[in-house]
Amino acid sequence: MTKIRLLIADDHTLVRAGIRSLLETIPGVEVVAECGDGREALELIERHRPDVAILDIGMPSLNGLEVTRRTASQWPATRVLILSMHADAGFVRQALEAGASGYMVKGASVAELPVALQALARGDTYLTPRISRGVVDGVLRGEPGAADPLRGLTGRQREILQLVAEGHSTKEIAHRLSIGIKTVETHRQRLMERLDIHDVPGLVRFAIRAGLVSPHD
């Protein structure tokens, strides 16, 4: 049987080690890479082209939902399994709309992980049983749900919003994204205009409400 090649991305080292330890007990599974940063996750996905990327939502630099969007667009052969502490319907909907093939909560039973991986390997979608079936069916039928607070923002705007909320300076953001300082300032200004938010603390509060960053980040 062909091995399922996996990438793990979670910013908590102990959580990542626990997931890897569990995966190594599952026959037919090979962990090809791991990291704790969303931007590095994209680089590793491009390099290794894993069959499945297991992603946390709340990661620094680039959150798991944005990594999912870009993976689905650029490397669709890599299927994404979101492994998150959030069981909220809004996060599930955002993950599925971003292109995730599966969603598990971190409080799930150990036995659930191999079931989820097998489902994704078959080309199926896997949702943890704690998630409302009605929510899932609605997403798959394309029914409107609660408005995504980030809808309407470009990928670059979401990226800059997260970095601003994480406390990075304009110079640091420019360096990370390999763009000019003036370009960062222009994106931030347009972001504020679109959201009708006029200061950085307001952007931080919005990013927390939208789930881009956690209050402790």
C-alpha atoms as a PDB file:
ATOM      1  CA  MET A   1       0.000   0.000   0.000  1.00  0.00           C
ATOM      2  CA  THR A   2       1.288   3.492  -0.838  1.00  0.00           C
ATOM      3  CA  LYS A   3       2.203   5.503   2.224  1.00  0.00           C
ATOM      4  CA  ILE A   4       0.262   8.637   3.143  1.00  0.00           C
ATOM      5  CA  ARG A   5       2.881  11.386   3.303  1.00  0.00           C
ATOM      6  CA  LEU A   6       2.091  14.036   5.912  1.00  0.00           C
ATOM      7  CA  LEU A   7       3.124  17.498   6.988  1.00  0.00           C
ATOM      8  CA  ILE A   8       2.341  18.800  10.495  1.00  0.00           C
ATOM      9  CA  ALA A   9       2.106  22.543  11.189  1.00  0.00           C
ATOM     10  CA  ASP A  10       1.318  23.715  14.727  1.00  0.00           C
ATOM     11  CA  ASP A  11       3.034  26.505  16.643  1.00  0.00           C
ATOM     12  CA  HIS A  12       3.076  24.536  19.915  1.00  0.00           C
ATOM     13  CA  THR A  13       6.146  22.284  19.973  1.00  0.00           C
ATOM     14  CA  LEU A  14       4.719  19.815  22.496  1.00  0.00           C
ATOM     15  CA  VAL A  15       1.439  19.499  20.593  1.00  0.00           C
ATOM     16  CA  ARG A  16       3.360  18.917  17.377  1.00  0.00           C
ATOM     17  CA  ALA A  17       5.547  16.275  19.045  1.00  0.00           C
ATOM     18  CA  GLY A  18       2.449  14.536  20.397  1.00  0.00           C
ATOM     19  CA  ILE A  19       0.783  14.466  16.988  1.00  0.00           C
ATOM     20  CA  ARG A  20       3.942  13.142  15.364  1.00  0.00           C
ATOM     21  CA  SER A  21       4.328  10.453  18.020  1.00  0.00           C
ATOM     22  CA  LEU A  22       0.736   9.359  17.425  1.00  0.00           C
ATOM     23  CA  LEU A  23       1.107   9.378  13.646  1.00  0.00           C
ATOM     24  CA  GLU A  24       4.203   7.200  13.837  1.00  0.00           C
ATOM     25  CA  THR A  25       2.095   4.423  15.400  1.00  0.00           C
ATOM     26  CA  ILE A  26      -0.282   4.374  12.407  1.00  0.00           C
ATOM     27  CA  PRO A  27       0.685   1.883   9.662  1.00  0.00           C
ATOM     28  CA  GLY A  28       1.084   3.354   6.193  1.00  0.00           C
ATOM     29  CA  VAL A  29       1.805   6.894   7.397  1.00  0.00           C
ATOM     30  CA  GLU A  30       5.026   8.877   6.949  1.00  0.00           C
ATOM     31  CA  VAL A  31       5.681  12.340   8.405  1.00  0.00           C
ATOM     32  CA  VAL A  32       7.846  14.142   5.832  1.00  0.00           C
ATOM     33  CA  ALA A  33       8.023  17.571   7.486  1.00  0.00           C
ATOM     34  CA  GLU A  34       6.858  19.636  10.445  1.00  0.00           C
ATOM     35  CA  CYS A  35       6.950  23.291  11.436  1.00  0.00           C
ATOM     36  CA  GLY A  36       5.367  25.882  13.714  1.00  0.00           C
ATOM     37  CA  ASP A  37       4.883  28.774  11.298  1.00  0.00           C
ATOM     38  CA  GLY A  38       2.326  29.258   8.537  1.00  0.00           C
ATOM     39  CA  ARG A  39       4.758  30.780   6.074  1.00  0.00           C
ATOM     40  CA  GLU A  40       7.217  27.922   6.585  1.00  0.00           C
ATOM     41  CA  ALA A  41       4.340  25.475   6.146  1.00  0.00           C
ATOM     42  CA  LEU A  42       3.750  26.822   2.632  1.00  0.00           C
ATOM     43  CA  GLU A  43       7.440  26.495   1.796  1.00  0.00           C
ATOM     44  CA  LEU A  44       7.499  22.889   3.050  1.00  0.00           C
ATOM     45  CA  ILE A  45       4.309  21.998   1.178  1.00  0.00           C
ATOM     46  CA  GLU A  46       5.870  23.325  -2.029  1.00  0.00           C
ATOM     47  CA  ARG A  47       9.077  21.387  -1.359  1.00  0.00           C
ATOM     48  CA  HIS A  48       7.646  18.034  -0.214  1.00  0.00           C
ATOM     49  CA  ARG A  49       4.173  17.987  -1.831  1.00  0.00           C
ATOM     50  CA  PRO A  50       2.684  15.879   1.000  1.00  0.00           C
ATOM     51  CA  ASP A  51      -0.558  13.964   0.477  1.00  0.00           C
ATOM     52  CA  VAL A  52      -2.058  15.591   3.579  1.00  0.00           C
ATOM     53  CA  ALA A  53      -1.133  18.756   5.469  1.00  0.00           C
ATOM     54  CA  ILE A  54      -2.346  18.789   9.092  1.00  0.00           C
ATOM     55  CA  LEU A  55      -2.712  22.459  10.027  1.00  0.00           C
ATOM     56  CA  ASP A  56      -3.582  24.375  13.164  1.00  0.00           C
ATOM     57  CA  ILE A  57      -5.610  27.555  12.577  1.00  0.00           C
ATOM     58  CA  GLY A  58      -3.762  29.891  14.926  1.00  0.00           C
ATOM     59  CA  MET A  59      -0.184  30.043  13.615  1.00  0.00           C
ATOM     60  CA  PRO A  60       2.168  33.036  13.484  1.00  0.00           C
ATOM     61  CA  SER A  61       2.994  34.921  10.268  1.00  0.00           C
ATOM     62  CA  LEU A  62       0.244  33.178   8.284  1.00  0.00           C
ATOM     63  CA  ASN A  63      -2.733  31.490   9.906  1.00  0.00           C
ATOM     64  CA  GLY A  64      -3.940  28.025   8.960  1.00  0.00           C
ATOM     65  CA  LEU A  65      -6.936  29.253   6.972  1.00  0.00           C
ATOM     66  CA  GLU A  66      -4.714  31.382   4.732  1.00  0.00           C
ATOM     67  CA  VAL A  67      -2.291  28.476   4.315  1.00  0.00           C
ATOM     68  CA  THR A  68      -5.280  26.334   3.340  1.00  0.00           C
ATOM     69  CA  ARG A  69      -6.451  28.847   0.710  1.00  0.00           C
ATOM     70  CA  ARG A  70      -3.034  29.009  -0.898  1.00  0.00           C
ATOM     71  CA  THR A  71      -2.474  25.271  -0.745  1.00  0.00           C
ATOM     72  CA  ALA A  72      -5.834  24.561  -2.375  1.00  0.00           C
ATOM     73  CA  SER A  73      -5.028  27.066  -5.110  1.00  0.00           C
ATOM     74  CA  GLN A  74      -1.383  26.196  -5.789  1.00  0.00           C
ATOM     75  CA  TRP A  75      -1.022  22.526  -4.790  1.00  0.00           C
ATOM     76  CA  PRO A  76      -4.509  20.998  -4.943  1.00  0.00           C
ATOM     77  CA  ALA A  77      -3.109  17.454  -4.752  1.00  0.00           C
ATOM     78  CA  THR A  78      -2.226  18.178  -1.104  1.00  0.00           C
ATOM     79  CA  ARG A  79      -5.354  17.777   0.985  1.00  0.00           C
ATOM     80  CA  VAL A  80      -5.694  19.826   4.165  1.00  0.00           C
ATOM     81  CA  LEU A  81      -6.879  18.525   7.529  1.00  0.00           C
ATOM     82  CA  ILE A  82      -7.501  21.334  10.007  1.00  0.00           C
ATOM     83  CA  LEU A  83      -6.756  20.268  13.586  1.00  0.00           C
ATOM     84  CA  SER A  84      -8.007  23.043  15.841  1.00  0.00           C
ATOM     85  CA  MET A  85      -9.187  23.830  19.342  1.00  0.00           C
ATOM     86  CA  HIS A  86     -12.199  25.618  17.792  1.00  0.00           C
ATOM     87  CA  ALA A  87     -15.434  23.645  17.306  1.00  0.00           C
ATOM     88  CA  ASP A  88     -17.313  26.824  16.406  1.00  0.00           C
ATOM     89  CA  ALA A  89     -19.408  26.562  13.246  1.00  0.00           C
ATOM     90  CA  GLY A  90     -17.913  29.774  11.881  1.00  0.00           C
ATOM     91  CA  PHE A  91     -14.397  28.357  11.866  1.00  0.00           C
ATOM     92  CA  VAL A  92     -15.588  25.110  10.290  1.00  0.00           C
ATOM     93  CA  ARG A  93     -17.360  27.018   7.538  1.00  0.00           C
ATOM     94  CA  GLN A  94     -14.325  29.218   6.882  1.00  0.00           C
ATOM     95  CA  ALA A  95     -12.045  26.164   6.735  1.00  0.00           C
ATOM     96  CA  LEU A  96     -14.258  24.324   4.250  1.00  0.00           C
ATOM     97  CA  GLU A  97     -14.734  27.410   2.101  1.00  0.00           C
ATOM     98  CA  ALA A  98     -10.950  27.941   2.129  1.00  0.00           C
ATOM     99  CA  GLY A  99     -10.526  24.468   0.651  1.00  0.00           C
ATOM    100  CA  ALA A 100      -9.929  22.166   3.638  1.00  0.00           C
ATOM    101  CA  SER A 101     -10.881  18.512   3.121  1.00  0.00           C
ATOM    102  CA  GLY A 102     -11.224  17.745   6.812  1.00  0.00           C
ATOM    103  CA  TYR A 103     -11.729  19.372  10.209  1.00  0.00           C
ATOM    104  CA  MET A 104     -10.961  17.840  13.596  1.00  0.00           C
ATOM    105  CA  VAL A 105     -11.004  19.362  17.056  1.00  0.00           C
ATOM    106  CA  LYS A 106      -8.044  18.816  19.344  1.00  0.00           C
ATOM    107  CA  GLY A 107     -10.325  17.306  21.948  1.00  0.00           C
ATOM    108  CA  ALA A 108     -11.173  14.411  19.602  1.00  0.00           C
ATOM    109  CA  SER A 109     -10.368  10.837  20.535  1.00  0.00           C
ATOM    110  CA  VAL A 110      -7.032   9.368  19.476  1.00  0.00           C
ATOM    111  CA  ALA A 111      -8.856   6.814  17.331  1.00  0.00           C
ATOM    112  CA  GLU A 112     -10.329   9.590  15.192  1.00  0.00           C
ATOM    113  CA  LEU A 113      -7.076  10.650  13.532  1.00  0.00           C
ATOM    114  CA  PRO A 114      -6.414   7.498  11.469  1.00  0.00           C
ATOM    115  CA  VAL A 115     -10.085   7.481  10.422  1.00  0.00           C
ATOM    116  CA  ALA A 116      -9.750  11.080   9.223  1.00  0.00           C
ATOM    117  CA  LEU A 117      -6.537  10.343   7.310  1.00  0.00           C
ATOM    118  CA  GLN A 118      -8.050   7.311   5.608  1.00  0.00           C
ATOM    119  CA  ALA A 119     -11.065   9.381   4.556  1.00  0.00           C
ATOM    120  CA  LEU A 120      -8.873  12.093   3.040  1.00  0.00           C
ATOM    121  CA  ALA A 121      -6.691   9.494   1.309  1.00  0.00           C
ATOM    122  CA  ARG A 122      -9.853   8.101  -0.355  1.00  0.00           C
ATOM    123  CA  GLY A 123     -10.781  11.567  -1.564  1.00  0.00           C
ATOM    124  CA  ASP A 124     -13.584  11.998   0.991  1.00  0.00           C
ATOM    125  CA  THR A 125     -14.260  14.866   3.393  1.00  0.00           C
ATOM    126  CA  TYR A 126     -13.909  14.222   7.128  1.00  0.00           C
ATOM    127  CA  LEU A 127     -15.604  16.282   9.830  1.00  0.00           C
ATOM    128  CA  THR A 128     -15.282  15.520  13.518  1.00  0.00           C
ATOM    129  CA  PRO A 129     -18.578  14.191  14.939  1.00  0.00           C
ATOM    130  CA  ARG A 130     -18.814  17.147  17.340  1.00  0.00           C
ATOM    131  CA  ILE A 131     -19.508  19.440  14.402  1.00  0.00           C
ATOM    132  CA  SER A 132     -23.141  20.025  13.530  1.00  0.00           C
ATOM    133  CA  ARG A 133     -24.165  18.022  10.461  1.00  0.00           C
ATOM    134  CA  GLY A 134     -26.488  20.857   9.532  1.00  0.00           C
ATOM    135  CA  VAL A 135     -23.588  23.287   9.330  1.00  0.00           C
ATOM    136  CA  VAL A 136     -21.631  20.925   7.116  1.00  0.00           C
ATOM    137  CA  ASP A 137     -24.555  20.209   4.798  1.00  0.00           C
ATOM    138  CA  GLY A 138     -25.255  23.922   4.473  1.00  0.00           C
ATOM    139  CA  VAL A 139     -21.675  24.661   3.469  1.00  0.00           C
ATOM    140  CA  LEU A 140     -21.559  21.845   0.949  1.00  0.00           C
ATOM    141  CA  ARG A 141     -24.852  23.048  -0.596  1.00  0.00           C
ATOM    142  CA  GLY A 142     -23.490  26.591  -0.773  1.00  0.00           C
ATOM    143  CA  GLU A 143     -26.080  28.020   1.607  1.00  0.00           C
ATOM    144  CA  PRO A 144     -25.154  31.383   3.175  1.00  0.00           C
ATOM    145  CA  GLY A 145     -24.117  31.304   6.800  1.00  0.00           C
ATOM    146  CA  ALA A 146     -22.783  33.920   9.176  1.00  0.00           C
ATOM    147  CA  ALA A 147     -20.788  36.465   7.216  1.00  0.00           C
ATOM    148  CA  ASP A 148     -17.048  35.829   7.132  1.00  0.00           C
ATOM    149  CA  PRO A 149     -15.539  39.006   8.650  1.00  0.00           C
ATOM    150  CA  LEU A 150     -12.531  38.674   6.334  1.00  0.00           C
ATOM    151  CA  ARG A 151     -14.550  38.317   3.154  1.00  0.00           C
ATOM    152  CA  GLY A 152     -13.728  41.081   0.715  1.00  0.00           C
ATOM    153  CA  LEU A 153     -10.125  41.416   1.852  1.00  0.00           C
ATOM    154  CA  THR A 154      -7.355  40.392  -0.510  1.00  0.00           C
ATOM    155  CA  GLY A 155      -4.850  37.726   0.480  1.00  0.00           C
ATOM    156  CA  ARG A 156      -2.200  40.407   0.957  1.00  0.00           C
ATOM    157  CA  GLN A 157      -4.527  42.470   3.152  1.00  0.00           C
ATOM    158  CA  ARG A 158      -5.301  39.459   5.357  1.00  0.00           C
ATOM    159  CA  GLU A 159      -1.579  38.748   5.578  1.00  0.00           C
ATOM    160  CA  ILE A 160      -0.711  42.303   6.608  1.00  0.00           C
ATOM    161  CA  LEU A 161      -3.639  42.458   9.044  1.00  0.00           C
ATOM    162  CA  GLN A 162      -2.307  39.385  10.855  1.00  0.00           C
ATOM    163  CA  LEU A 163       1.253  40.725  10.995  1.00  0.00           C
ATOM    164  CA  VAL A 164       0.049  44.111  12.295  1.00  0.00           C
ATOM    165  CA  ALA A 165      -2.061  42.360  14.944  1.00  0.00           C
ATOM    166  CA  GLU A 166       0.957  40.273  15.968  1.00  0.00           C
ATOM    167  CA  GLY A 167       2.800  43.509  16.740  1.00  0.00           C
ATOM    168  CA  HIS A 168       5.227  43.686  13.815  1.00  0.00           C
ATOM    169  CA  SER A 169       6.422  47.125  12.726  1.00  0.00           C
ATOM    170  CA  THR A 170       5.995  48.417   9.189  1.00  0.00           C
ATOM    171  CA  LYS A 171       9.702  47.822   8.551  1.00  0.00           C
ATOM    172  CA  GLU A 172       9.482  44.241   9.855  1.00  0.00           C
ATOM    173  CA  ILE A 173       6.427  43.505   7.693  1.00  0.00           C
ATOM    174  CA  ALA A 174       8.157  44.909   4.628  1.00  0.00           C
ATOM    175  CA  HIS A 175      11.186  42.701   5.285  1.00  0.00           C
ATOM    176  CA  ARG A 176       9.079  39.559   5.879  1.00  0.00           C
ATOM    177  CA  LEU A 177       7.050  40.064   2.715  1.00  0.00           C
ATOM    178  CA  SER A 178       9.942  41.373   0.608  1.00  0.00           C
ATOM    179  CA  ILE A 179       8.041  44.527  -0.315  1.00  0.00           C
ATOM    180  CA  GLY A 180       8.669  48.243   0.218  1.00  0.00           C
ATOM    181  CA  ILE A 181       7.731  50.143   3.359  1.00  0.00           C
ATOM    182  CA  LYS A 182       5.509  52.472   1.305  1.00  0.00           C
ATOM    183  CA  THR A 183       3.706  49.430  -0.127  1.00  0.00           C
ATOM    184  CA  VAL A 184       2.991  48.142   3.386  1.00  0.00           C
ATOM    185  CA  GLU A 185       1.680  51.557   4.422  1.00  0.00           C
ATOM    186  CA  THR A 186      -0.574  51.687   1.350  1.00  0.00           C
ATOM    187  CA  HIS A 187      -2.000  48.219   2.035  1.00  0.00           C
ATOM    188  CA  ARG A 188      -2.600  49.114   5.691  1.00  0.00           C
ATOM    189  CA  GLN A 189      -4.345  52.356   4.751  1.00  0.00           C
ATOM    190  CA  ARG A 190      -6.630  50.587   2.263  1.00  0.00           C
ATOM    191  CA  LEU A 191      -7.304  47.898   4.856  1.00  0.00           C
ATOM    192  CA  MET A 192      -8.386  50.507   7.401  1.00  0.00           C
ATOM    193  CA  GLU A 193     -10.610  52.213   4.830  1.00  0.00           C
ATOM    194  CA  ARG A 194     -12.270  48.937   3.839  1.00  0.00           C
ATOM    195  CA  LEU A 195     -12.902  47.921   7.460  1.00  0.00           C
ATOM    196  CA  ASP A 196     -13.734  51.489   8.605  1.00  0.00           C
ATOM    197  CA  ILE A 197     -11.138  51.123  11.357  1.00  0.00           C
ATOM    198  CA  HIS A 198      -8.797  54.034  11.908  1.00  0.00           C
ATOM    199  CA  ASP A 199      -6.068  52.917  14.314  1.00  0.00           C
ATOM    200  CA  VAL A 200      -3.833  49.920  14.962  1.00  0.00           C
ATOM    201  CA  PRO A 201      -5.513  48.888  18.259  1.00  0.00           C
ATOM    202  CA  GLY A 202      -8.778  48.703  16.327  1.00  0.00           C
ATOM    203  CA  LEU A 203      -7.160  46.444  13.736  1.00  0.00           C
ATOM    204  CA  VAL A 204      -5.841  44.202  16.530  1.00  0.00           C
ATOM    205  CA  ARG A 205      -9.299  43.889  18.097  1.00  0.00           C
ATOM    206  CA  PHE A 206     -10.811  43.083  14.692  1.00  0.00           C
ATOM    207  CA  ALA A 207      -8.136  40.444  13.994  1.00  0.00           C
ATOM    208  CA  ILE A 208      -8.870  38.760  17.336  1.00  0.00           C
ATOM    209  CA  ARG A 209     -12.630  38.740  16.659  1.00  0.00           C
ATOM    210  CA  ALA A 210     -12.005  37.324  13.178  1.00  0.00           C
ATOM    211  CA  GLY A 211      -9.813  34.543  14.587  1.00  0.00           C
ATOM    212  CA  LEU A 212      -6.630  35.650  12.793  1.00  0.00           C
ATOM    213  CA  VAL A 213      -4.770  35.867  16.091  1.00  0.00           C
ATOM    214  CA  SER A 214      -5.462  34.800  19.667  1.00  0.00           C
ATOM    215  CA  PRO A 215      -5.676  37.324  22.522  1.00  0.00           C
ATOM    216  CA  HIS A 216      -2.416  35.971  23.969  1.00  0.00           C
ATOM    217  CA  ASP A 217      -0.483  36.301  20.671  1.00  0.00           C
END
